[in-house]
């Protein structure tokens, strides 16, 4: 979990810096909103993206055991991954997550209280909740919450249009997503900045929509001063408007940027995205090449050796052709303990095999062949490893499971009857 949070946080910081550099002061509000949502989702997904071509895997050599079919394994070298106590970082992090989730749930509970204990009606395409408090109108999906202040029909029209835009553009979904991500990454300043940005963009977009419908700018601004409407729902403190009304009014009066140029600016996010992917690959590389604890077979290494002893057979074709030799088989133990990518490794040289498989032949030993390449012997070893029913406890670093690569050496030898 710590590795995931670290990589996601770095991605958030890099992408927020890119956003500030390329788009933050631009007026393509819908584009900015979409870019922010992409940055958030990408930062959450990139740590779990696997890049085999960029990510070397740790190589672990099993401890050497010489086993023949007539020898029982009595030694046990099974290892256990040490249990680490919860770190101070974990305690502080969990407390922060719990506190912010409680804040969010408290806000939702307040909305539920308003919903169940306030008069309700249907109007303007909303389910209207008439709350007996002084509060600015706001929406939560298709629910429109209105305070006890009475407004004329003329005043309500632009306000309802403003809130309808929030509903139609699913701004409540954005608010929920930001609440959850803020709880997850509360220690990262970038998530708080992104939350502030997207709340402001919601209001800029809704204000822009209302003015495009022909409402007078000055009258609309006066109305905003009167009701301070359009707050972006803050679950922890739903009555407090986090968006500066002054900034909203200024945004109505400034000239809009060329939207086509702003769209082209998004291309310059690609180098930042590539840098994040590369950094993620380098981080994976460091974790995988130096795991604190190697992968361990279920029941210990002797259990794996026992399985091989009972399962492996000297191929008849190799026996008839008097083929002998050593097969080095390499396989990957992934983060879930699954054995994958089993293949013969002809480049690895070993001084002593892990396992010896001995068979008897009535033929003369004069024709014994050991060419270094024995496909039938390799195929038998791969079949035997593939048939293992147990799982590995994956290698790990800092409590995070990582992929690791294990090489096992099996020697096939023939004894000749006199």
Protein backbone atom coordinates (compact mmCIF):
# COMPACT_ATOMS: atom_id res chain seq x y z
CA UNK A 1 0.00 0.00 0.00
CA UNK A 2 2.84 2.40 0.82
CA UNK A 3 4.38 1.82 -2.60
CA UNK A 4 1.03 2.49 -4.30
CA UNK A 5 0.46 5.72 -2.35
CA UNK A 6 3.99 6.93 -3.07
CA UNK A 7 3.76 6.36 -6.81
CA UNK A 8 0.24 7.81 -7.08
CA UNK A 9 1.25 10.87 -5.06
CA UNK A 10 4.27 11.54 -7.26
CA UNK A 11 2.03 11.26 -10.33
CA UNK A 12 -0.47 13.71 -8.81
CA UNK A 13 2.24 16.25 -8.05
CA UNK A 14 3.75 16.02 -11.53
CA UNK A 15 0.38 16.32 -13.27
CA UNK A 16 -0.74 19.23 -11.09
CA UNK A 17 2.49 21.04 -12.00
CA UNK A 18 1.77 20.32 -15.67
CA UNK A 19 -1.81 21.56 -15.29
CA UNK A 20 -0.64 24.82 -13.69
CA UNK A 21 1.95 25.31 -16.42
CA UNK A 22 -0.30 24.58 -19.40
CA UNK A 23 -3.98 25.17 -18.58
CA UNK A 24 -4.70 26.65 -15.17
CA UNK A 25 -5.08 30.27 -16.25
CA UNK A 26 -6.94 29.42 -19.44
CA UNK A 27 -10.68 29.83 -19.90
CA UNK A 28 -11.52 26.54 -21.62
CA UNK A 29 -13.27 25.44 -18.46
CA UNK A 30 -14.78 22.20 -19.77
CA UNK A 31 -11.43 21.13 -21.18
CA UNK A 32 -9.76 21.93 -17.86
CA UNK A 33 -12.35 19.87 -16.00
CA UNK A 34 -11.81 16.86 -18.25
CA UNK A 35 -8.04 17.16 -17.96
CA UNK A 36 -8.25 17.24 -14.15
CA UNK A 37 -10.46 14.15 -14.09
CA UNK A 38 -8.01 12.39 -16.40
CA UNK A 39 -5.08 13.38 -14.16
CA UNK A 40 -6.85 12.01 -11.10
CA UNK A 41 -7.82 8.70 -12.69
CA UNK A 42 -4.45 8.25 -14.37
CA UNK A 43 -2.64 8.83 -11.08
CA UNK A 44 -4.75 6.12 -9.44
CA UNK A 45 -4.25 3.60 -12.25
CA UNK A 46 -0.59 4.08 -13.24
CA UNK A 47 0.89 2.31 -10.16
CA UNK A 48 -0.89 -0.92 -11.06
CA UNK A 49 0.11 -0.85 -14.73
CA UNK A 50 2.55 -3.68 -15.40
CA UNK A 51 5.32 -2.99 -17.91
CA UNK A 52 7.22 -6.26 -18.42
CA UNK A 53 9.59 -4.80 -20.99
CA UNK A 54 10.61 -1.99 -18.64
CA UNK A 55 10.56 -3.87 -15.35
CA UNK A 56 13.39 -6.35 -14.66
CA UNK A 57 12.51 -9.04 -12.13
CA UNK A 58 14.57 -10.24 -9.23
CA UNK A 59 16.52 -13.42 -9.81
CA UNK A 60 16.47 -15.82 -6.89
CA UNK A 61 18.43 -19.05 -6.81
CA UNK A 62 16.94 -21.77 -4.65
CA UNK A 63 19.27 -23.26 -2.09
CA UNK A 64 21.02 -26.27 -3.57
CA UNK A 65 19.78 -29.76 -2.80
CA UNK A 66 20.95 -32.93 -4.50
CA UNK A 67 18.06 -35.34 -4.76
CA UNK A 68 17.92 -38.74 -6.36
CA UNK A 69 14.95 -41.02 -6.57
CA UNK A 70 16.29 -43.15 -3.75
CA UNK A 71 16.84 -40.34 -1.22
CA UNK A 72 14.19 -38.91 1.05
CA UNK A 73 14.28 -35.26 1.97
CA UNK A 74 14.62 -34.85 5.70
CA UNK A 75 15.87 -31.30 5.84
CA UNK A 76 13.55 -28.33 5.93
CA UNK A 77 14.59 -24.87 4.85
CA UNK A 78 11.13 -23.35 4.84
CA UNK A 79 11.15 -19.70 5.70
CA UNK A 80 8.51 -17.40 7.03
CA UNK A 81 8.11 -13.78 6.10
CA UNK A 82 8.57 -11.77 9.29
CA UNK A 83 5.53 -10.03 10.60
CA UNK A 84 6.11 -6.28 10.73
CA UNK A 85 4.31 -4.20 13.24
CA UNK A 86 2.18 -1.33 11.96
CA UNK A 87 4.39 1.69 11.38
CA UNK A 88 3.72 5.15 12.75
CA UNK A 89 3.18 6.30 9.17
CA UNK A 90 0.40 3.73 8.73
CA UNK A 91 -1.30 4.78 11.95
CA UNK A 92 -1.22 8.48 11.06
CA UNK A 93 -2.36 7.75 7.50
CA UNK A 94 -5.28 5.58 8.60
CA UNK A 95 -6.37 8.20 11.15
CA UNK A 96 -6.40 10.85 8.41
CA UNK A 97 -8.42 8.63 6.07
CA UNK A 98 -10.93 7.78 8.77
CA UNK A 99 -11.32 11.43 9.77
CA UNK A 100 -12.00 12.61 6.22
CA UNK A 101 -14.33 9.72 5.44
CA UNK A 102 -16.23 10.56 8.63
CA UNK A 103 -16.47 14.16 7.42
CA UNK A 104 -17.91 12.97 4.11
CA UNK A 105 -20.37 10.61 5.76
CA UNK A 106 -21.43 13.39 8.13
CA UNK A 107 -22.16 15.63 5.16
CA UNK A 108 -24.19 12.90 3.46
CA UNK A 109 -26.05 12.28 6.71
CA UNK A 110 -26.96 15.97 6.81
CA UNK A 111 -28.35 15.76 3.29
CA UNK A 112 -30.38 12.71 4.27
CA UNK A 113 -31.75 14.59 7.27
CA UNK A 114 -32.79 17.48 5.02
CA UNK A 115 -34.36 15.02 2.58
CA UNK A 116 -36.42 13.10 5.11
CA UNK A 117 -37.45 15.96 7.41
CA UNK A 118 -38.11 18.79 4.95
CA UNK A 119 -41.10 19.43 2.69
CA UNK A 120 -40.59 18.12 -0.82
CA UNK A 121 -42.10 19.01 -4.17
CA UNK A 122 -41.39 18.59 -7.86
CA UNK A 123 -40.55 21.65 -9.91
CA UNK A 124 -38.23 22.73 -12.74
CA UNK A 125 -37.40 19.10 -13.45
CA UNK A 126 -35.98 18.63 -9.91
CA UNK A 127 -37.13 17.05 -6.73
CA UNK A 128 -37.07 20.20 -4.60
CA UNK A 129 -36.15 20.00 -0.89
CA UNK A 130 -37.35 23.11 0.98
CA UNK A 131 -34.96 23.41 3.92
CA UNK A 132 -35.98 25.60 6.84
CA UNK A 133 -32.55 27.28 7.05
CA UNK A 134 -30.80 30.25 5.48
CA UNK A 135 -28.75 28.60 2.79
CA UNK A 136 -27.81 29.05 -0.83
CA UNK A 137 -29.45 26.77 -3.39
CA UNK A 138 -27.40 23.73 -4.38
CA UNK A 139 -27.93 20.41 -6.11
CA UNK A 140 -26.99 16.84 -5.36
CA UNK A 141 -27.66 14.91 -8.54
CA UNK A 142 -31.40 15.49 -9.19
CA UNK A 143 -32.15 16.94 -5.75
CA UNK A 144 -32.42 20.73 -5.49
CA UNK A 145 -31.99 22.07 -1.95
CA UNK A 146 -33.48 25.54 -1.39
CA UNK A 147 -33.28 27.64 1.78
CA UNK A 148 -36.16 29.49 3.43
CA UNK A 149 -35.37 32.82 1.75
CA UNK A 150 -38.16 33.63 -0.69
CA UNK A 151 -37.17 34.63 -4.20
CA UNK A 152 -39.29 35.86 -7.07
CA UNK A 153 -39.92 33.78 -10.18
CA UNK A 154 -37.65 36.12 -12.16
CA UNK A 155 -34.83 35.61 -9.66
CA UNK A 156 -35.31 31.85 -9.49
CA UNK A 157 -35.06 31.32 -13.25
CA UNK A 158 -31.29 31.92 -13.66
CA UNK A 159 -30.58 30.17 -10.34
CA UNK A 160 -32.45 27.05 -11.38
CA UNK A 161 -30.75 27.15 -14.76
CA UNK A 162 -27.41 27.37 -12.98
CA UNK A 163 -28.20 24.32 -10.81
CA UNK A 164 -29.66 22.39 -13.73
CA UNK A 165 -26.32 22.75 -15.50
CA UNK A 166 -24.56 21.24 -12.47
CA UNK A 167 -26.97 18.31 -12.57
CA UNK A 168 -26.77 17.74 -16.33
CA UNK A 169 -22.97 17.80 -16.30
CA UNK A 170 -22.78 15.33 -13.38
CA UNK A 171 -20.85 17.72 -11.17
CA UNK A 172 -22.06 15.81 -8.11
CA UNK A 173 -20.13 12.81 -9.40
CA UNK A 174 -17.00 14.95 -9.56
CA UNK A 175 -17.63 16.11 -5.99
CA UNK A 176 -18.01 12.53 -4.73
CA UNK A 177 -14.90 11.39 -6.57
CA UNK A 178 -12.85 14.27 -5.16
CA UNK A 179 -14.11 13.58 -1.65
CA UNK A 180 -12.99 9.94 -1.84
CA UNK A 181 -9.63 10.73 -3.42
CA UNK A 182 -9.00 13.51 -0.92
CA UNK A 183 -9.56 11.01 1.88
CA UNK A 184 -7.16 8.56 0.21
CA UNK A 185 -4.44 11.12 -0.57
CA UNK A 186 -5.10 13.62 2.20
CA UNK A 187 -1.36 14.04 2.86
CA UNK A 188 -0.70 15.20 -0.72
CA UNK A 189 -1.24 18.94 -1.34
CA UNK A 190 -1.91 18.30 -5.04
CA UNK A 191 -5.24 16.59 -4.31
CA UNK A 192 -6.44 19.60 -2.31
CA UNK A 193 -5.40 21.96 -5.11
CA UNK A 194 -7.18 19.77 -7.68
CA UNK A 195 -10.31 19.75 -5.52
CA UNK A 196 -10.29 23.54 -5.29
CA UNK A 197 -9.73 23.85 -9.05
CA UNK A 198 -12.56 21.57 -10.07
CA UNK A 199 -15.02 23.23 -7.69
CA UNK A 200 -14.16 26.60 -9.24
CA UNK A 201 -14.52 25.19 -12.75
CA UNK A 202 -18.00 23.89 -11.90
CA UNK A 203 -19.10 27.41 -11.00
CA UNK A 204 -17.40 29.07 -13.96
CA UNK A 205 -19.10 26.62 -16.33
CA UNK A 206 -22.56 27.09 -14.79
CA UNK A 207 -22.20 30.89 -14.77
CA UNK A 208 -21.07 30.84 -18.38
CA UNK A 209 -24.06 28.70 -19.35
CA UNK A 210 -26.53 31.10 -17.71
CA UNK A 211 -25.04 34.16 -19.43
CA UNK A 212 -25.09 32.41 -22.81
CA UNK A 213 -28.85 32.07 -22.38
CA UNK A 214 -29.12 35.86 -22.57
CA UNK A 215 -29.30 36.98 -18.95
CA UNK A 216 -27.84 40.38 -18.23
CA UNK A 217 -24.37 40.15 -16.70
CA UNK A 218 -24.83 42.96 -14.16
CA UNK A 219 -28.24 41.74 -13.00
CA UNK A 220 -26.93 38.20 -12.67
CA UNK A 221 -23.96 39.43 -10.62
CA UNK A 222 -26.30 41.40 -8.32
CA UNK A 223 -28.37 38.25 -7.86
CA UNK A 224 -25.24 36.28 -6.93
CA UNK A 225 -24.43 38.90 -4.29
CA UNK A 226 -27.93 38.54 -2.93
CA UNK A 227 -28.07 34.75 -2.63
CA UNK A 228 -24.44 33.75 -3.13
CA UNK A 229 -25.71 30.76 -5.06
CA UNK A 230 -24.15 27.93 -6.92
CA UNK A 231 -21.98 26.58 -4.14
CA UNK A 232 -20.14 23.44 -5.06
CA UNK A 233 -21.17 20.85 -2.52
CA UNK A 234 -18.61 20.46 0.25
CA UNK A 235 -19.70 17.37 2.13
CA UNK A 236 -17.90 18.26 5.32
CA UNK A 237 -19.22 21.82 5.43
CA UNK A 238 -21.99 22.11 2.88
CA UNK A 239 -23.04 25.63 3.91
CA UNK A 240 -19.66 27.22 3.33
CA UNK A 241 -18.88 28.47 -0.15
CA UNK A 242 -15.29 27.62 -0.95
CA UNK A 243 -15.36 29.46 -4.28
CA UNK A 244 -14.62 33.17 -4.21
CA UNK A 245 -17.55 35.16 -5.57
CA UNK A 246 -15.07 37.82 -6.64
CA UNK A 247 -13.24 35.29 -8.82
CA UNK A 248 -16.50 34.19 -10.40
CA UNK A 249 -17.46 37.75 -11.27
CA UNK A 250 -14.02 38.46 -12.68
CA UNK A 251 -14.25 35.31 -14.80
CA UNK A 252 -17.50 36.61 -16.35
CA UNK A 253 -15.80 39.78 -17.57
CA UNK A 254 -12.45 38.58 -18.93
CA UNK A 255 -11.91 37.70 -22.57
CA UNK A 256 -12.01 34.01 -23.36
CA UNK A 257 -8.88 32.29 -24.61
CA UNK A 258 -8.73 30.63 -27.98
CA UNK A 259 -10.14 27.18 -27.21
CA UNK A 260 -8.38 25.55 -30.18
CA UNK A 261 -5.00 26.66 -28.87
CA UNK A 262 -5.89 25.32 -25.43
CA UNK A 263 -6.83 21.95 -26.89
CA UNK A 264 -3.46 21.80 -28.60
CA UNK A 265 -1.79 22.53 -25.26
CA UNK A 266 -3.01 19.17 -23.95
CA UNK A 267 -0.50 17.48 -26.26
CA UNK A 268 2.25 18.81 -24.00
CA UNK A 269 0.90 16.59 -21.21
CA UNK A 270 2.34 13.59 -23.06
CA UNK A 271 5.96 14.13 -21.92
CA UNK A 272 4.75 14.39 -18.32
CA UNK A 273 2.74 11.18 -18.69
CA UNK A 274 5.75 9.43 -20.23
CA UNK A 275 7.92 10.64 -17.36
CA UNK A 276 5.44 9.24 -14.82
CA UNK A 277 5.33 5.86 -16.57
CA UNK A 278 9.11 5.76 -16.73
CA UNK A 279 9.44 6.72 -13.08
CA UNK A 280 6.91 4.05 -12.16
CA UNK A 281 8.93 1.47 -14.09
CA UNK A 282 12.14 2.54 -12.32
CA UNK A 283 10.42 2.26 -8.95
CA UNK A 284 9.20 -1.23 -9.83
CA UNK A 285 12.72 -2.06 -10.91
CA UNK A 286 14.17 -1.09 -7.53
CA UNK A 287 11.48 -3.03 -5.66
CA UNK A 288 11.83 -6.16 -7.77
CA UNK A 289 15.59 -6.40 -8.07
CA UNK A 290 16.23 -6.23 -4.34
CA UNK A 291 13.36 -7.90 -2.50
CA UNK A 292 13.76 -8.11 1.24
CA UNK A 293 12.20 -11.58 1.34
CA UNK A 294 12.36 -14.14 -1.49
CA UNK A 295 9.41 -16.07 -2.83
CA UNK A 296 8.67 -19.18 -0.74
CA UNK A 297 6.81 -22.26 -1.88
CA UNK A 298 3.78 -23.33 0.13
CA UNK A 299 5.05 -25.70 2.80
CA UNK A 300 8.69 -24.85 2.18
CA UNK A 301 11.18 -25.62 -0.57
CA UNK A 302 11.34 -29.27 0.44
CA UNK A 303 7.66 -29.56 -0.51
CA UNK A 304 8.42 -28.34 -4.02
CA UNK A 305 11.34 -30.76 -4.27
CA UNK A 306 9.14 -33.62 -3.08
CA UNK A 307 6.59 -32.75 -5.78
CA UNK A 308 9.33 -32.76 -8.43
CA UNK A 309 10.71 -36.06 -7.15
CA UNK A 310 7.30 -37.74 -7.38
CA UNK A 311 6.30 -36.19 -10.69
CA UNK A 312 9.33 -35.96 -12.94
CA UNK A 313 10.14 -38.84 -15.30
CA UNK A 314 13.21 -39.50 -17.38
CA UNK A 315 11.79 -39.14 -20.91
CA UNK A 316 11.82 -42.45 -22.74
CA UNK A 317 13.03 -40.81 -25.93
CA UNK A 318 16.02 -39.29 -24.13
CA UNK A 319 16.71 -42.59 -22.38
CA UNK A 320 16.66 -44.52 -25.66
CA UNK A 321 18.95 -41.96 -27.28
CA UNK A 322 21.13 -41.97 -24.14
CA UNK A 323 20.74 -38.23 -23.69
CA UNK A 324 21.92 -36.73 -20.42
CA UNK A 325 22.47 -33.19 -19.27
CA UNK A 326 21.40 -30.38 -17.01
CA UNK A 327 18.27 -28.35 -17.59
CA UNK A 328 18.03 -24.92 -16.02
CA UNK A 329 14.41 -23.88 -15.79
CA UNK A 330 13.40 -20.33 -14.93
CA UNK A 331 9.95 -19.23 -13.82
CA UNK A 332 8.36 -16.08 -12.49
CA UNK A 333 6.44 -15.91 -9.22
CA UNK A 334 4.09 -12.96 -9.61
CA UNK A 335 2.68 -10.65 -6.93
CA UNK A 336 -0.13 -13.16 -6.27
CA UNK A 337 2.17 -16.15 -5.81
CA UNK A 338 1.27 -17.70 -9.17
CA UNK A 339 3.92 -19.50 -11.23
CA UNK A 340 4.18 -18.03 -14.72
CA UNK A 341 6.49 -17.85 -17.72
CA UNK A 342 8.20 -21.22 -17.22
CA UNK A 343 10.99 -21.70 -19.74
CA UNK A 344 14.34 -23.41 -20.16
CA UNK A 345 17.26 -21.07 -19.54
CA UNK A 346 20.20 -22.22 -21.63
CA UNK A 347 22.35 -19.19 -20.84
CA UNK A 348 22.62 -19.75 -17.08
CA UNK A 349 25.56 -21.82 -15.91
CA UNK A 350 25.53 -23.64 -12.57
CA UNK A 351 28.29 -25.50 -10.77
CA UNK A 352 26.02 -27.89 -8.90
CA UNK A 353 22.45 -28.89 -9.87
CA UNK A 354 19.61 -28.62 -7.40
CA UNK A 355 18.12 -32.00 -8.31
CA UNK A 356 19.54 -35.12 -9.90
CA UNK A 357 17.26 -37.48 -11.80
CA UNK A 358 18.87 -40.89 -12.26
CA UNK A 359 17.63 -43.65 -14.56
CA UNK A 360 19.06 -47.05 -15.43
CA UNK A 361 19.87 -48.21 -18.93
CA UNK A 362 20.83 -51.61 -20.26
CA UNK A 363 22.63 -49.98 -23.20
CA UNK A 364 26.31 -49.28 -23.34
CA UNK A 365 27.47 -45.95 -21.96
CA UNK A 366 29.78 -45.44 -24.92
CA UNK A 367 27.05 -43.70 -26.92
CA UNK A 368 26.02 -41.24 -24.17
CA UNK A 369 25.09 -37.84 -25.59
CA UNK A 370 25.23 -34.49 -23.85
CA UNK A 371 24.93 -31.74 -26.43
CA UNK A 372 23.71 -29.05 -24.03
CA UNK A 373 20.37 -28.82 -25.81
CA UNK A 374 17.83 -31.50 -24.92
CA UNK A 375 14.32 -30.39 -25.90
CA UNK A 376 12.66 -33.52 -24.54
CA UNK A 377 14.39 -33.11 -21.17
CA UNK A 378 13.45 -29.41 -21.11
CA UNK A 379 9.84 -30.23 -21.96
CA UNK A 380 9.65 -32.73 -19.09
CA UNK A 381 11.01 -30.21 -16.58
CA UNK A 382 8.55 -27.53 -17.74
CA UNK A 383 5.69 -30.05 -17.50
CA UNK A 384 6.72 -31.00 -13.99
CA UNK A 385 6.97 -27.42 -12.73
CA UNK A 386 3.67 -26.51 -14.41
CA UNK A 387 1.91 -29.35 -12.59
CA UNK A 388 2.77 -27.97 -9.15
CA UNK A 389 -0.51 -27.40 -7.31
CA UNK A 390 0.87 -25.31 -4.46
CA UNK A 391 1.32 -21.58 -4.50
CA UNK A 392 4.24 -19.39 -3.55
CA UNK A 393 4.24 -16.66 -0.98
CA UNK A 394 5.49 -13.88 -3.28
CA UNK A 395 8.71 -12.00 -2.67
CA UNK A 396 8.18 -8.72 -0.89
CA UNK A 397 9.83 -5.41 -0.11
CA UNK A 398 8.55 -3.06 2.59
CA UNK A 399 5.51 -5.28 2.92
CA UNK A 400 4.68 -4.94 -0.79
CA UNK A 401 4.48 -8.11 -2.88
CA UNK A 402 6.71 -7.99 -5.98
CA UNK A 403 7.39 -10.33 -8.87
CA UNK A 404 10.53 -12.44 -8.64
CA UNK A 405 12.30 -14.89 -10.90
CA UNK A 406 13.56 -18.27 -9.68
CA UNK A 407 16.00 -20.60 -11.45
CA UNK A 408 16.02 -24.31 -10.72
CA UNK A 409 18.68 -26.68 -12.07
CA UNK A 410 17.84 -30.34 -12.73
CA UNK A 411 20.46 -32.84 -13.88
CA UNK A 412 19.49 -35.97 -15.82
CA UNK A 413 21.98 -38.82 -15.62
CA UNK A 414 22.03 -42.46 -16.71
CA UNK A 415 23.50 -45.44 -14.86
CA UNK A 416 24.32 -48.50 -16.90
CA UNK A 417 23.61 -52.06 -15.85
CA UNK A 418 26.53 -54.49 -16.13
